[in-house]
Amino acid sequence: MSNKVNKNALRAGTVTAGATLMMLLSSPAFALTRDDGDDPGPGLSIIETLGLYVAAPIVLFLVIAGLVMVGDKSRKKSS
C-alpha cells in the first residue's frame, strides 16, 4: 500500500512541477515583441511601489485584525 501511495505522490508532484514549468516558460514576461494595442502606462516610482506592495497590505492587515479584535471584545462582554 505504501509503495502505491509513494508512486501516486511522485506522479502528482511530477505533473504539478511540469505544469508550473510550462506556465512559467509561456509567461508574457518573456515576450520580446509588442502586441497590437499594447499601451503600457508609466512605471511606478520606488516610493509608489513600496506603498502599493508593502505599506498597503500591512495597513489592510492591521485594520482587519483591529476589527476582529473589537468584534471579539464586544462578544465577550455581552456573554
N, C-alpha and C. Protein backbone atom coordinates (compact mmCIF):
# COMPACT_ATOMS: atom_id res chain seq x y z
N MET A 1 0.83 -1.20 0.00
CA MET A 1 0.00 0.00 0.00
C MET A 1 0.87 1.25 0.00
N SER A 2 1.91 1.26 0.82
CA SER A 2 2.77 2.43 0.93
C SER A 2 3.49 2.73 -0.38
N ASN A 3 3.88 1.67 -1.09
CA ASN A 3 4.57 1.85 -2.37
C ASN A 3 3.66 2.52 -3.39
N LYS A 4 2.36 2.13 -3.39
CA LYS A 4 1.41 2.73 -4.32
C LYS A 4 1.18 4.21 -3.99
N VAL A 5 1.12 4.54 -2.69
CA VAL A 5 0.93 5.92 -2.27
C VAL A 5 2.13 6.76 -2.69
N ASN A 6 3.34 6.23 -2.49
CA ASN A 6 4.54 6.95 -2.89
C ASN A 6 4.58 7.17 -4.40
N LYS A 7 4.16 6.17 -5.15
CA LYS A 7 4.16 6.27 -6.62
C LYS A 7 3.16 7.35 -7.06
N ASN A 8 1.98 7.36 -6.43
CA ASN A 8 0.97 8.38 -6.77
C ASN A 8 1.44 9.77 -6.39
N ALA A 9 2.09 9.89 -5.23
CA ALA A 9 2.60 11.20 -4.81
C ALA A 9 3.69 11.68 -5.76
N LEU A 10 4.56 10.78 -6.18
CA LEU A 10 5.61 11.14 -7.13
C LEU A 10 5.01 11.58 -8.46
N ARG A 11 4.01 10.85 -8.91
CA ARG A 11 3.35 11.19 -10.18
C ARG A 11 2.67 12.56 -10.08
N ALA A 12 1.98 12.81 -8.97
CA ALA A 12 1.30 14.09 -8.79
C ALA A 12 2.31 15.23 -8.72
N GLY A 13 3.41 15.01 -8.02
CA GLY A 13 4.45 16.04 -7.94
C GLY A 13 5.07 16.34 -9.29
N THR A 14 5.30 15.30 -10.08
CA THR A 14 5.88 15.48 -11.41
C THR A 14 4.93 16.26 -12.32
N VAL A 15 3.66 15.92 -12.28
CA VAL A 15 2.68 16.63 -13.12
C VAL A 15 2.58 18.09 -12.68
N THR A 16 2.55 18.33 -11.39
CA THR A 16 2.46 19.70 -10.88
C THR A 16 3.70 20.51 -11.27
N ALA A 17 4.87 19.93 -11.10
CA ALA A 17 6.11 20.63 -11.46
C ALA A 17 6.15 20.91 -12.95
N GLY A 18 5.74 19.95 -13.76
CA GLY A 18 5.73 20.14 -15.21
C GLY A 18 4.76 21.24 -15.64
N ALA A 19 3.57 21.24 -15.04
CA ALA A 19 2.58 22.27 -15.38
C ALA A 19 3.07 23.65 -14.96
N THR A 20 3.68 23.73 -13.78
CA THR A 20 4.22 25.01 -13.31
C THR A 20 5.32 25.51 -14.22
N LEU A 21 6.21 24.62 -14.62
CA LEU A 21 7.29 24.99 -15.51
C LEU A 21 6.76 25.49 -16.85
N MET A 22 5.76 24.83 -17.39
CA MET A 22 5.19 25.25 -18.67
C MET A 22 4.52 26.62 -18.55
N MET A 23 3.86 26.87 -17.42
CA MET A 23 3.23 28.18 -17.24
C MET A 23 4.28 29.28 -17.13
N LEU A 24 5.36 28.99 -16.44
CA LEU A 24 6.41 30.00 -16.29
C LEU A 24 7.10 30.29 -17.62
N LEU A 25 7.33 29.26 -18.40
CA LEU A 25 8.03 29.45 -19.67
C LEU A 25 7.16 30.10 -20.73
N SER A 26 5.85 30.00 -20.59
CA SER A 26 4.96 30.61 -21.57
C SER A 26 4.46 31.97 -21.12
N SER A 27 5.05 32.49 -20.07
CA SER A 27 4.62 33.76 -19.50
C SER A 27 4.83 34.91 -20.47
N PRO A 28 3.91 35.87 -20.51
CA PRO A 28 4.08 37.03 -21.38
C PRO A 28 5.31 37.87 -21.03
N ALA A 29 5.87 37.66 -19.84
CA ALA A 29 7.04 38.43 -19.45
C ALA A 29 8.24 38.10 -20.34
N PHE A 30 8.21 36.94 -20.98
CA PHE A 30 9.30 36.56 -21.87
C PHE A 30 9.09 37.04 -23.30
N ALA A 31 7.99 37.72 -23.58
CA ALA A 31 7.71 38.19 -24.93
C ALA A 31 8.67 39.31 -25.30
N LEU A 32 9.27 39.20 -26.48
CA LEU A 32 10.22 40.20 -26.93
C LEU A 32 9.59 41.23 -27.85
N THR A 33 8.46 40.89 -28.45
CA THR A 33 7.80 41.82 -29.36
C THR A 33 6.50 42.30 -28.73
N ARG A 34 6.11 43.49 -29.07
CA ARG A 34 4.88 44.08 -28.54
C ARG A 34 3.69 43.58 -29.34
N ASP A 35 2.57 43.42 -28.68
CA ASP A 35 1.33 43.04 -29.35
C ASP A 35 0.61 44.30 -29.83
N ASP A 36 -0.23 44.12 -30.83
CA ASP A 36 -1.04 45.25 -31.29
C ASP A 36 -1.97 45.69 -30.16
N GLY A 37 -2.06 46.98 -29.94
CA GLY A 37 -2.93 47.52 -28.92
C GLY A 37 -2.26 47.68 -27.57
N ASP A 38 -1.01 47.22 -27.44
CA ASP A 38 -0.31 47.43 -26.17
C ASP A 38 -0.10 48.91 -25.94
N ASP A 39 -0.43 49.36 -24.77
CA ASP A 39 -0.22 50.75 -24.40
C ASP A 39 0.18 50.81 -22.93
N PRO A 40 1.42 50.42 -22.62
CA PRO A 40 1.83 50.40 -21.21
C PRO A 40 1.87 51.81 -20.64
N GLY A 41 1.46 51.92 -19.42
CA GLY A 41 1.48 53.20 -18.75
C GLY A 41 2.86 53.50 -18.19
N PRO A 42 2.99 54.64 -17.54
CA PRO A 42 4.28 54.97 -16.95
C PRO A 42 4.58 54.02 -15.78
N GLY A 43 5.85 53.76 -15.54
CA GLY A 43 6.24 52.88 -14.45
C GLY A 43 6.01 53.53 -13.09
N LEU A 44 6.03 52.71 -12.06
CA LEU A 44 5.87 53.20 -10.70
C LEU A 44 7.23 53.62 -10.14
N SER A 45 7.23 54.66 -9.32
CA SER A 45 8.46 55.03 -8.63
C SER A 45 8.70 54.05 -7.49
N ILE A 46 9.86 54.13 -6.87
CA ILE A 46 10.17 53.24 -5.76
C ILE A 46 9.22 53.47 -4.60
N ILE A 47 8.92 54.73 -4.32
CA ILE A 47 8.00 55.06 -3.23
C ILE A 47 6.61 54.50 -3.52
N GLU A 48 6.12 54.67 -4.74
CA GLU A 48 4.81 54.15 -5.10
C GLU A 48 4.78 52.63 -5.01
N THR A 49 5.84 51.98 -5.45
CA THR A 49 5.91 50.53 -5.41
C THR A 49 5.90 50.03 -3.96
N LEU A 50 6.70 50.64 -3.10
CA LEU A 50 6.73 50.24 -1.69
C LEU A 50 5.38 50.50 -1.02
N GLY A 51 4.77 51.62 -1.34
CA GLY A 51 3.46 51.92 -0.76
C GLY A 51 2.40 50.92 -1.19
N LEU A 52 2.42 50.56 -2.46
CA LEU A 52 1.40 49.67 -3.01
C LEU A 52 1.60 48.22 -2.57
N TYR A 53 2.84 47.75 -2.58
CA TYR A 53 3.09 46.33 -2.34
C TYR A 53 3.60 46.01 -0.93
N VAL A 54 3.93 47.01 -0.12
CA VAL A 54 4.40 46.76 1.24
C VAL A 54 3.48 47.45 2.25
N ALA A 55 3.35 48.76 2.15
CA ALA A 55 2.60 49.51 3.16
C ALA A 55 1.10 49.20 3.11
N ALA A 56 0.52 49.16 1.93
CA ALA A 56 -0.93 48.93 1.82
C ALA A 56 -1.34 47.57 2.40
N PRO A 57 -0.65 46.47 2.08
CA PRO A 57 -1.04 45.19 2.71
C PRO A 57 -0.88 45.19 4.23
N ILE A 58 0.17 45.84 4.74
CA ILE A 58 0.36 45.90 6.19
C ILE A 58 -0.77 46.68 6.84
N VAL A 59 -1.13 47.82 6.27
CA VAL A 59 -2.23 48.64 6.80
C VAL A 59 -3.54 47.86 6.73
N LEU A 60 -3.78 47.20 5.62
CA LEU A 60 -5.01 46.42 5.47
C LEU A 60 -5.06 45.30 6.51
N PHE A 61 -3.95 44.62 6.73
CA PHE A 61 -3.88 43.57 7.75
C PHE A 61 -4.20 44.14 9.13
N LEU A 62 -3.61 45.28 9.46
CA LEU A 62 -3.82 45.88 10.77
C LEU A 62 -5.28 46.30 10.96
N VAL A 63 -5.89 46.85 9.92
CA VAL A 63 -7.30 47.25 10.01
C VAL A 63 -8.18 46.03 10.24
N ILE A 64 -7.96 44.97 9.47
CA ILE A 64 -8.78 43.76 9.61
C ILE A 64 -8.56 43.14 10.99
N ALA A 65 -7.31 43.06 11.44
CA ALA A 65 -7.02 42.49 12.76
C ALA A 65 -7.68 43.34 13.85
N GLY A 66 -7.65 44.65 13.71
CA GLY A 66 -8.29 45.52 14.69
C GLY A 66 -9.79 45.31 14.74
N LEU A 67 -10.41 45.18 13.57
CA LEU A 67 -11.86 44.95 13.54
C LEU A 67 -12.22 43.61 14.17
N VAL A 68 -11.41 42.61 13.93
CA VAL A 68 -11.66 41.29 14.52
C VAL A 68 -11.53 41.37 16.05
N MET A 69 -10.50 42.06 16.53
CA MET A 69 -10.31 42.18 17.97
C MET A 69 -11.44 42.97 18.62
N VAL A 70 -11.91 44.04 17.98
CA VAL A 70 -13.02 44.82 18.52
C VAL A 70 -14.28 43.95 18.56
N GLY A 71 -14.53 43.21 17.50
CA GLY A 71 -15.70 42.33 17.48
C GLY A 71 -15.62 41.24 18.54
N ASP A 72 -14.43 40.72 18.77
CA ASP A 72 -14.25 39.67 19.77
C ASP A 72 -14.47 40.22 21.17
N LYS A 73 -13.98 41.42 21.44
CA LYS A 73 -14.16 42.02 22.77
C LYS A 73 -15.63 42.31 23.05
N SER A 74 -16.37 42.78 22.04
CA SER A 74 -17.78 43.10 22.27
C SER A 74 -18.59 41.82 22.49
N ARG A 75 -18.19 40.72 21.89
CA ARG A 75 -18.91 39.47 22.08
C ARG A 75 -18.66 38.92 23.48
N LYS A 76 -17.45 39.08 24.01
CA LYS A 76 -17.14 38.58 25.34
C LYS A 76 -17.90 39.36 26.41
N LYS A 77 -18.09 40.66 26.22
CA LYS A 77 -18.80 41.48 27.21
C LYS A 77 -20.28 41.14 27.24
N SER A 78 -20.88 40.83 26.10
CA SER A 78 -22.31 40.55 26.05
C SER A 78 -22.65 39.15 26.56
N SER A 79 -21.68 38.26 26.62
CA SER A 79 -21.96 36.88 27.07
C SER A 79 -22.04 36.77 28.56
